[in-house]
Amino acid sequence: MADLDVLLRNDRYPRSAAYSARWMVDGAMGPNPVWHAEALAEVLPLESGMRVLDLGCGTALSSIFLAKEFDVEVWATDLWVQPHENLIRIAEADVENRVHPVFAEAHALPFAEGFFDALVSIGAYHYFGTDDLYLGYCSAFVKPGGWLGVVQPGLAEEYDVLPPPHLAPYWKWDFCAWHSPGWWRRHWEKTGLVTVELADRLPNGWQDWLQWNEVCDLANGTPDQEEARMLRADAGRALGLTRLVARRTT
């Protein structure tokens, strides 16, 4: 097999290139969280010393990346991965003083209101954030004037009937939580709690997603898995990655 670092090279993510491809693949839980933390940081200002909630952090790769690259302090919060497992990765990355693993469900967060300068969620927010009331809950943990940023699977547009015919062979019921940037902009703005600064499709996001899946499948000895086939069949027509950045106003 070709070298993973070569296969995963992507010029759109120069900071991520400094991290081991094997480390990223071994921590895989959906589209590459390190690439997408970098893509989010391009449009969400992070300053040294900021307190950041990484909501739905999975194996804490995004939390480690943000701490190392931007000198922020991160609360790596997840329900599916135990804190002691993430602490091992955090310690190996030598950021124990800046990344704090937390076990919590997204509707029962153990933090003080206004504690964070920013909330980010990489590949996870759609699992809980489509609820009309959820932004009101989670934004309360961000101080007024603080930031919220999301990168997650999404659609180019909303469809009256799902799935689009060419995606029917691959569609799973929970993909109904994938939405367009315009949908997310309206979903957040209607609350009056935030000002949406950006809602877009991550440029070349579907290609990045496919590259990541193909490398992970190859590394795991299971090439040509269904998700990669779905992305190839779609070729960016419907699927991609939605990026959303907002500032808390109240």
Protein backbone atom coordinates (compact mmCIF):
# COMPACT_ATOMS: atom_id res chain seq x y z
CA MET A 1 0.00 0.00 0.00
CA ALA A 2 1.22 3.50 -0.80
CA ASP A 3 2.30 5.73 2.07
CA LEU A 4 -0.75 7.09 3.89
CA ASP A 5 0.77 10.54 4.25
CA VAL A 6 1.15 10.70 0.46
CA LEU A 7 -2.39 9.44 -0.16
CA LEU A 8 -3.86 11.94 2.29
CA ARG A 9 -1.91 14.94 1.08
CA ASN A 10 -4.24 17.85 0.35
CA ASP A 11 -2.87 21.28 -0.45
CA ARG A 12 -6.03 22.94 0.85
CA TYR A 13 -5.03 22.00 4.40
CA PRO A 14 -1.39 22.98 4.95
CA ARG A 15 -1.58 22.98 8.76
CA SER A 16 -3.09 19.48 8.80
CA ALA A 17 -0.21 18.19 6.66
CA ALA A 18 2.02 18.36 9.74
CA TYR A 19 -0.05 15.64 11.44
CA SER A 20 0.34 11.91 10.90
CA ALA A 21 -2.11 10.43 8.43
CA ARG A 22 -2.10 7.22 10.48
CA TRP A 23 -3.06 9.22 13.59
CA MET A 24 -5.98 10.78 11.70
CA VAL A 25 -7.14 7.50 10.15
CA ASP A 26 -6.97 5.65 13.48
CA GLY A 27 -9.23 8.29 15.01
CA ALA A 28 -11.72 8.35 12.13
CA MET A 29 -15.39 8.99 12.95
CA GLY A 30 -16.85 10.58 9.82
CA PRO A 31 -15.24 13.15 7.49
CA ASN A 32 -11.73 14.26 8.48
CA PRO A 33 -12.11 16.43 11.61
CA VAL A 34 -8.59 17.85 11.38
CA TRP A 35 -9.08 19.19 7.85
CA HIS A 36 -12.42 20.63 8.79
CA ALA A 37 -11.20 22.23 12.00
CA GLU A 38 -8.61 23.95 9.80
CA ALA A 39 -11.29 25.00 7.31
CA LEU A 40 -13.41 26.41 10.12
CA ALA A 41 -10.49 28.31 11.65
CA GLU A 42 -10.00 30.08 8.30
CA VAL A 43 -13.28 31.93 8.87
CA LEU A 44 -13.72 31.84 12.67
CA PRO A 45 -11.16 34.00 14.52
CA LEU A 46 -9.31 32.07 17.21
CA GLU A 47 -6.91 33.87 19.52
CA SER A 48 -4.42 32.53 22.06
CA GLY A 49 -6.02 31.79 25.40
CA MET A 50 -9.63 31.57 24.16
CA ARG A 51 -11.86 28.99 25.84
CA VAL A 52 -13.42 26.73 23.20
CA LEU A 53 -16.14 24.10 23.52
CA ASP A 54 -15.59 21.35 20.94
CA LEU A 55 -19.05 19.79 20.93
CA GLY A 56 -19.25 16.22 19.63
CA CYS A 57 -15.47 16.01 19.39
CA GLY A 58 -15.34 12.24 18.80
CA THR A 59 -11.79 11.08 19.34
CA ALA A 60 -10.67 14.65 20.13
CA LEU A 61 -8.53 15.06 17.01
CA SER A 62 -10.10 18.45 16.27
CA SER A 63 -9.60 19.53 19.89
CA ILE A 64 -5.92 18.59 19.82
CA PHE A 65 -5.43 20.34 16.49
CA LEU A 66 -7.05 23.57 17.64
CA ALA A 67 -5.06 23.63 20.88
CA LYS A 68 -1.75 23.01 19.14
CA GLU A 69 -2.28 25.32 16.19
CA PHE A 70 -4.04 28.26 17.84
CA ASP A 71 -3.01 28.00 21.52
CA VAL A 72 -6.62 27.88 22.67
CA GLU A 73 -7.96 25.93 25.65
CA VAL A 74 -10.46 23.29 24.56
CA TRP A 75 -13.12 21.28 26.37
CA ALA A 76 -13.32 18.13 24.21
CA THR A 77 -16.91 17.01 24.80
CA ASP A 78 -18.47 13.82 23.48
CA LEU A 79 -21.03 11.15 24.35
CA TRP A 80 -19.72 8.29 22.23
CA VAL A 81 -16.05 8.28 23.27
CA GLN A 82 -15.04 7.89 26.89
CA PRO A 83 -12.89 10.68 28.39
CA HIS A 84 -10.13 8.32 29.47
CA GLU A 85 -9.74 7.17 25.85
CA ASN A 86 -9.42 10.75 24.65
CA LEU A 87 -7.06 11.59 27.50
CA ILE A 88 -4.57 9.05 26.13
CA ARG A 89 -4.53 10.83 22.76
CA ILE A 90 -4.39 14.23 24.45
CA ALA A 91 -1.41 13.18 26.57
CA GLU A 92 0.41 11.69 23.59
CA ALA A 93 -0.05 15.03 21.81
CA ASP A 94 1.37 16.84 24.87
CA VAL A 95 -1.62 19.17 25.30
CA GLU A 96 -2.96 17.96 28.66
CA ASN A 97 -2.85 21.51 29.98
CA ARG A 98 -4.99 22.82 27.13
CA VAL A 99 -7.45 20.04 26.21
CA HIS A 100 -9.91 18.73 28.79
CA PRO A 101 -11.90 15.58 27.91
CA VAL A 102 -15.54 15.68 28.99
CA PHE A 103 -18.25 13.01 28.79
CA ALA A 104 -21.61 14.69 28.23
CA GLU A 105 -24.78 14.49 26.17
CA ALA A 106 -25.41 17.54 24.00
CA HIS A 107 -28.58 18.45 25.92
CA ALA A 108 -26.98 18.10 29.36
CA LEU A 109 -23.77 20.11 29.18
CA PRO A 110 -22.02 20.63 32.54
CA PHE A 111 -20.77 24.16 31.96
CA ALA A 112 -21.55 27.63 33.26
CA GLU A 113 -23.45 30.00 31.00
CA GLY A 114 -21.18 32.43 29.17
CA PHE A 115 -18.07 30.39 29.98
CA PHE A 116 -16.76 29.94 26.43
CA ASP A 117 -15.38 32.36 23.89
CA ALA A 118 -16.35 29.99 21.08
CA LEU A 119 -18.30 26.81 20.42
CA VAL A 120 -17.27 24.61 17.51
CA SER A 121 -18.71 21.36 16.24
CA ILE A 122 -17.04 19.28 13.55
CA GLY A 123 -19.16 16.64 11.87
CA ALA A 124 -21.61 16.37 14.76
CA TYR A 125 -23.98 19.33 15.11
CA HIS A 126 -26.62 17.91 12.76
CA TYR A 127 -27.16 15.02 15.19
CA PHE A 128 -28.75 17.35 17.74
CA GLY A 129 -28.89 20.86 16.29
CA THR A 130 -31.84 20.59 13.89
CA ASP A 131 -34.19 21.06 16.87
CA ASP A 132 -35.62 24.58 16.68
CA LEU A 133 -34.78 25.20 20.32
CA TYR A 134 -31.27 23.78 20.46
CA LEU A 135 -29.36 26.91 19.43
CA GLY A 136 -30.95 28.74 22.35
CA TYR A 137 -29.63 26.07 24.68
CA CYS A 138 -26.08 25.70 23.41
CA SER A 139 -25.42 29.36 22.62
CA ALA A 140 -26.03 30.22 26.27
CA PHE A 141 -22.66 28.65 27.08
CA VAL A 142 -20.96 31.20 24.80
CA LYS A 143 -20.40 34.72 26.06
CA PRO A 144 -22.19 37.57 24.22
CA GLY A 145 -20.07 38.49 21.23
CA GLY A 146 -18.55 35.00 21.17
CA TRP A 147 -18.45 32.68 18.19
CA LEU A 148 -20.20 29.53 17.02
CA GLY A 149 -18.84 27.49 14.13
CA VAL A 150 -19.88 24.25 12.48
CA VAL A 151 -18.65 22.02 9.65
CA GLN A 152 -20.79 18.99 8.86
CA PRO A 153 -22.21 16.87 6.01
CA GLY A 154 -24.85 18.76 4.06
CA LEU A 155 -26.78 19.24 0.85
CA ALA A 156 -26.40 21.76 -1.93
CA GLU A 157 -30.12 22.59 -1.71
CA GLU A 158 -33.28 21.43 0.01
CA TYR A 159 -35.36 18.75 -1.73
CA ASP A 160 -39.13 18.36 -1.55
CA VAL A 161 -38.64 14.60 -1.59
CA LEU A 162 -35.62 12.77 -0.21
CA PRO A 163 -33.50 11.17 -1.36
CA PRO A 164 -32.63 12.52 -4.79
CA PRO A 165 -33.13 9.57 -7.18
CA HIS A 166 -29.43 9.04 -7.89
CA LEU A 167 -28.75 8.66 -4.16
CA ALA A 168 -31.61 6.26 -3.40
CA PRO A 169 -29.39 3.13 -3.38
CA TYR A 170 -27.19 4.63 -0.65
CA TRP A 171 -29.60 6.67 1.46
CA LYS A 172 -29.99 6.03 5.19
CA TRP A 173 -32.85 7.47 7.18
CA ASP A 174 -30.67 9.69 9.39
CA PHE A 175 -29.32 11.53 6.35
CA CYS A 176 -32.54 13.53 6.65
CA ALA A 177 -30.58 15.74 9.09
CA TRP A 178 -28.30 16.91 6.27
CA HIS A 179 -29.28 20.39 5.13
CA SER A 180 -28.14 23.17 2.85
CA PRO A 181 -26.21 26.28 3.99
CA GLY A 182 -29.32 28.36 3.32
CA TRP A 183 -31.41 26.11 5.56
CA TRP A 184 -28.91 26.43 8.41
CA ARG A 185 -28.68 30.20 7.99
CA ARG A 186 -32.47 30.53 8.37
CA HIS A 187 -32.54 27.98 11.19
CA TRP A 188 -30.10 30.04 13.24
CA GLU A 189 -31.16 33.55 12.23
CA LYS A 190 -34.84 33.02 13.06
CA THR A 191 -33.93 32.77 16.76
CA GLY A 192 -32.55 36.32 16.85
CA LEU A 193 -29.79 35.02 19.13
CA VAL A 194 -26.92 35.13 16.64
CA THR A 195 -25.72 36.99 13.58
CA VAL A 196 -24.72 34.52 10.88
CA GLU A 197 -21.46 35.71 9.36
CA LEU A 198 -21.04 32.83 6.90
CA ALA A 199 -23.08 29.91 5.61
CA ASP A 200 -21.50 28.14 2.67
CA ARG A 201 -20.58 24.85 1.10
CA LEU A 202 -16.95 24.12 1.89
CA PRO A 203 -15.11 24.56 -1.43
CA ASN A 204 -14.29 21.12 -2.88
CA GLY A 205 -15.80 19.60 0.25
CA TRP A 206 -17.25 16.54 -1.45
CA GLN A 207 -13.85 15.78 -3.02
CA ASP A 208 -12.12 16.09 0.35
CA TRP A 209 -14.74 13.82 1.89
CA LEU A 210 -14.25 11.24 -0.86
CA GLN A 211 -10.46 11.37 -0.63
CA TRP A 212 -10.68 10.82 3.12
CA ASN A 213 -13.09 7.87 2.75
CA GLU A 214 -10.97 6.22 0.09
CA VAL A 215 -7.82 6.49 2.21
CA CYS A 216 -9.57 5.20 5.33
CA ASP A 217 -11.10 2.29 3.41
CA LEU A 218 -7.72 1.38 1.96
CA ALA A 219 -5.96 1.68 5.31
CA ASN A 220 -8.58 -0.57 6.91
CA GLY A 221 -8.31 -3.16 4.13
CA THR A 222 -11.90 -2.59 3.01
CA PRO A 223 -11.72 -0.60 -0.23
CA ASP A 224 -14.77 0.69 -2.09
CA GLN A 225 -17.17 0.95 0.83
CA GLU A 226 -20.69 2.28 0.34
CA GLU A 227 -20.07 5.87 1.46
CA ALA A 228 -17.26 6.31 -1.05
CA ARG A 229 -19.45 4.84 -3.79
CA MET A 230 -22.22 7.27 -2.85
CA LEU A 231 -19.88 10.26 -3.09
CA ARG A 232 -18.54 9.14 -6.47
CA ALA A 233 -22.07 8.60 -7.79
CA ASP A 234 -23.12 12.06 -6.63
CA ALA A 235 -19.95 13.90 -7.77
CA GLY A 236 -20.89 17.00 -5.79
CA ARG A 237 -24.38 17.46 -7.24
CA ALA A 238 -26.16 17.16 -3.90
CA LEU A 239 -23.63 16.21 -1.24
CA GLY A 240 -20.90 18.23 0.36
CA LEU A 241 -19.87 19.87 3.59
CA THR A 242 -21.78 22.77 5.09
CA ARG A 243 -19.79 25.45 6.97
CA LEU A 244 -21.53 27.86 9.32
CA VAL A 245 -20.12 30.69 11.43
CA ALA A 246 -22.12 33.02 13.66
CA ARG A 247 -21.64 35.48 16.50
CA ARG A 248 -23.80 35.53 19.61
CA THR A 249 -25.68 38.81 19.82
CA THR A 250 -27.76 38.33 23.00
